[in-house]
Protein backbone atom coordinates (compact mmCIF):
# COMPACT_ATOMS: atom_id res chain seq x y z
CA UNK A 1 -5.38 -1.86 -23.31
CA UNK A 2 -1.87 -2.50 -24.59
CA UNK A 3 0.37 -4.82 -22.58
CA UNK A 4 2.86 -1.98 -22.05
CA UNK A 5 0.10 0.07 -20.36
CA UNK A 6 -0.72 -2.85 -18.08
CA UNK A 7 2.96 -3.29 -17.18
CA UNK A 8 3.19 0.44 -16.42
CA UNK A 9 0.14 0.28 -14.16
CA UNK A 10 1.32 -2.84 -12.34
CA UNK A 11 4.80 -1.29 -11.95
CA UNK A 12 3.25 1.86 -10.50
CA UNK A 13 1.14 -0.20 -8.13
CA UNK A 14 4.19 -2.20 -7.04
CA UNK A 15 5.99 1.03 -6.18
CA UNK A 16 2.91 2.34 -4.36
CA UNK A 17 2.85 -0.86 -2.31
CA UNK A 18 6.54 -0.37 -1.49
CA UNK A 19 5.97 3.28 -0.53
CA UNK A 20 2.99 2.34 1.64
CA UNK A 21 5.12 -0.33 3.34
CA UNK A 22 7.71 2.37 4.02
CA UNK A 23 4.98 4.63 5.43
CA UNK A 24 4.01 1.86 7.84
CA UNK A 25 7.66 1.46 8.85
CA UNK A 26 7.82 5.16 9.63
CA UNK A 27 4.46 5.13 11.43
CA UNK A 28 5.46 2.17 13.58
CA UNK A 29 8.67 4.00 14.46
CA UNK A 30 6.65 7.01 15.59
CA UNK A 31 3.78 5.22 17.30
CA UNK A 32 5.75 2.57 19.15
CA UNK A 33 4.40 -0.73 20.40
CA UNK A 34 0.93 0.26 21.62
CA UNK A 35 -2.34 -1.57 20.96
CA UNK A 36 -2.43 -0.35 17.37
CA UNK A 37 0.99 -1.78 16.50
CA UNK A 38 -0.21 -5.33 15.75
CA UNK A 39 -2.56 -4.48 12.85
CA UNK A 40 -0.10 -1.91 11.50
CA UNK A 41 2.69 -4.50 11.53
CA UNK A 42 0.41 -6.95 9.71
CA UNK A 43 -0.52 -4.30 7.14
CA UNK A 44 3.17 -3.50 6.65
CA UNK A 45 3.83 -7.20 5.98
CA UNK A 46 0.84 -7.33 3.61
CA UNK A 47 2.27 -4.47 1.56
CA UNK A 48 5.67 -6.18 1.41
CA UNK A 49 3.96 -9.36 0.22
CA UNK A 50 1.81 -7.44 -2.27
CA UNK A 51 4.89 -5.80 -3.79
CA UNK A 52 6.52 -9.22 -4.16
CA UNK A 53 3.41 -10.73 -5.75
CA UNK A 54 3.06 -7.80 -8.15
CA UNK A 55 6.70 -8.31 -9.14
CA UNK A 56 5.80 -11.93 -9.91
CA UNK A 57 2.88 -10.76 -12.07
CA UNK A 58 5.30 -8.60 -14.05
CA UNK A 59 7.74 -11.52 -14.32
CA UNK A 60 4.91 -13.76 -15.59
CA UNK A 61 4.25 -11.18 -18.29
CA UNK A 62 7.82 -11.79 -19.44
CA UNK A 63 9.08 -8.28 -18.76
CA UNK A 64 10.68 -6.03 -16.15
CA UNK A 65 9.03 -3.32 -14.03
CA UNK A 66 9.05 0.05 -15.72
CA UNK A 67 11.36 2.64 -14.23
CA UNK A 68 10.08 4.70 -11.36
CA UNK A 69 11.31 6.72 -8.45
CA UNK A 70 12.01 5.53 -4.93
CA UNK A 71 9.40 6.89 -2.58
CA UNK A 72 10.89 5.71 0.70
CA UNK A 73 12.29 9.09 1.71
CA UNK A 74 9.01 10.79 0.87
CA UNK A 75 6.98 8.29 2.91
CA UNK A 76 9.24 8.64 5.92
CA UNK A 77 9.27 12.44 5.71
CA UNK A 78 5.50 12.56 5.31
CA UNK A 79 4.82 10.36 8.34
CA UNK A 80 7.39 12.22 10.44
CA UNK A 81 5.89 15.60 9.57
CA UNK A 82 2.33 14.46 10.16
CA UNK A 83 3.26 12.88 13.50
CA UNK A 84 4.88 16.11 14.66
CA UNK A 85 2.00 18.29 13.52
CA UNK A 86 -1.03 16.10 14.25
CA UNK A 87 0.02 13.20 16.48
CA UNK A 88 -1.34 9.67 16.26
CA UNK A 89 -4.65 10.63 14.70
CA UNK A 90 -2.83 12.36 11.87
CA UNK A 91 -0.63 9.31 11.26
CA UNK A 92 -3.67 7.01 11.06
CA UNK A 93 -5.43 9.44 8.74
CA UNK A 94 -2.37 9.63 6.49
CA UNK A 95 -2.11 5.85 6.32
CA UNK A 96 -5.82 5.71 5.46
CA UNK A 97 -5.30 8.13 2.57
CA UNK A 98 -2.30 6.09 1.34
CA UNK A 99 -4.40 2.92 1.42
CA UNK A 100 -7.19 4.62 -0.52
CA UNK A 101 -4.73 5.70 -3.21
CA UNK A 102 -3.43 2.15 -3.53
CA UNK A 103 -7.00 0.82 -3.69
CA UNK A 104 -7.82 3.18 -6.56
CA UNK A 105 -4.83 1.88 -8.47
CA UNK A 106 -6.02 -1.71 -7.96
CA UNK A 107 -9.46 -0.74 -9.24
CA UNK A 108 -7.88 0.87 -12.31
CA UNK A 109 -5.81 -2.22 -13.06
CA UNK A 110 -8.84 -4.46 -12.67
CA UNK A 111 -10.34 -2.60 -15.64
CA UNK A 112 -7.37 -3.81 -17.74
CA UNK A 113 -7.29 -6.94 -19.80
CA UNK A 114 -5.73 -9.20 -17.17
CA UNK A 115 -6.14 -12.93 -17.50
CA UNK A 116 -5.45 -16.05 -15.49
CA UNK A 117 -3.16 -15.89 -12.50
CA UNK A 118 -2.46 -12.17 -12.90
CA UNK A 119 -6.15 -11.34 -12.59
CA UNK A 120 -6.60 -13.63 -9.58
CA UNK A 121 -3.57 -12.12 -7.83
CA UNK A 122 -4.71 -8.53 -8.38
CA UNK A 123 -8.23 -9.34 -7.11
CA UNK A 124 -6.85 -11.06 -3.99
CA UNK A 125 -4.54 -8.15 -3.17
CA UNK A 126 -7.33 -5.62 -3.69
CA UNK A 127 -9.38 -7.40 -1.01
CA UNK A 128 -6.53 -6.91 1.47
CA UNK A 129 -6.52 -3.20 0.71
CA UNK A 130 -10.22 -2.95 1.47
CA UNK A 131 -9.63 -4.59 4.87
CA UNK A 132 -6.78 -2.19 5.64
CA UNK A 133 -9.02 0.76 4.86
CA UNK A 134 -11.78 -0.56 7.14
CA UNK A 135 -9.41 -1.00 10.11
CA UNK A 136 -7.76 2.37 9.58
CA UNK A 137 -11.17 3.99 9.31
CA UNK A 138 -11.90 2.69 12.81
CA UNK A 139 -8.51 3.99 14.00
CA UNK A 140 -9.23 7.48 12.70
CA UNK A 141 -12.39 7.45 14.79
CA UNK A 142 -10.57 6.59 17.99
CA UNK A 143 -10.16 2.80 17.80
CA UNK A 144 -7.80 1.18 18.52
CA UNK A 145 -5.87 3.59 20.69
CA UNK A 146 -2.11 3.55 21.02
């Protein structure tokens, strides 16, 4: 795979991490400070950190992220609409779907010709995504409750 393709994929993943962070911001605003807030706040921080680490991967490749659109407004609108229509369960389900989409992007990048620190970073971040999915899967089945 050409380096430009890898940069495009990592740039896309960085933006997905940023959009997922924004979705958590919106969800936390809707759900408040109930029992579920602590893991959601941690996941939000994880996505912020992941975006920063992916930016470092791109920097290490000696290039800049490829252009993309800002997804913050979309993430906020999505969470707001889901919360109004489906309540807490809908918000958790939406976050679960967002996490799954990010996980698929990690899996795709891991098929690329990454080496050294870039490969280690992507593998580490992918493990976090798997944990997020597991916790949100529990939330969509009634645990933890807000």
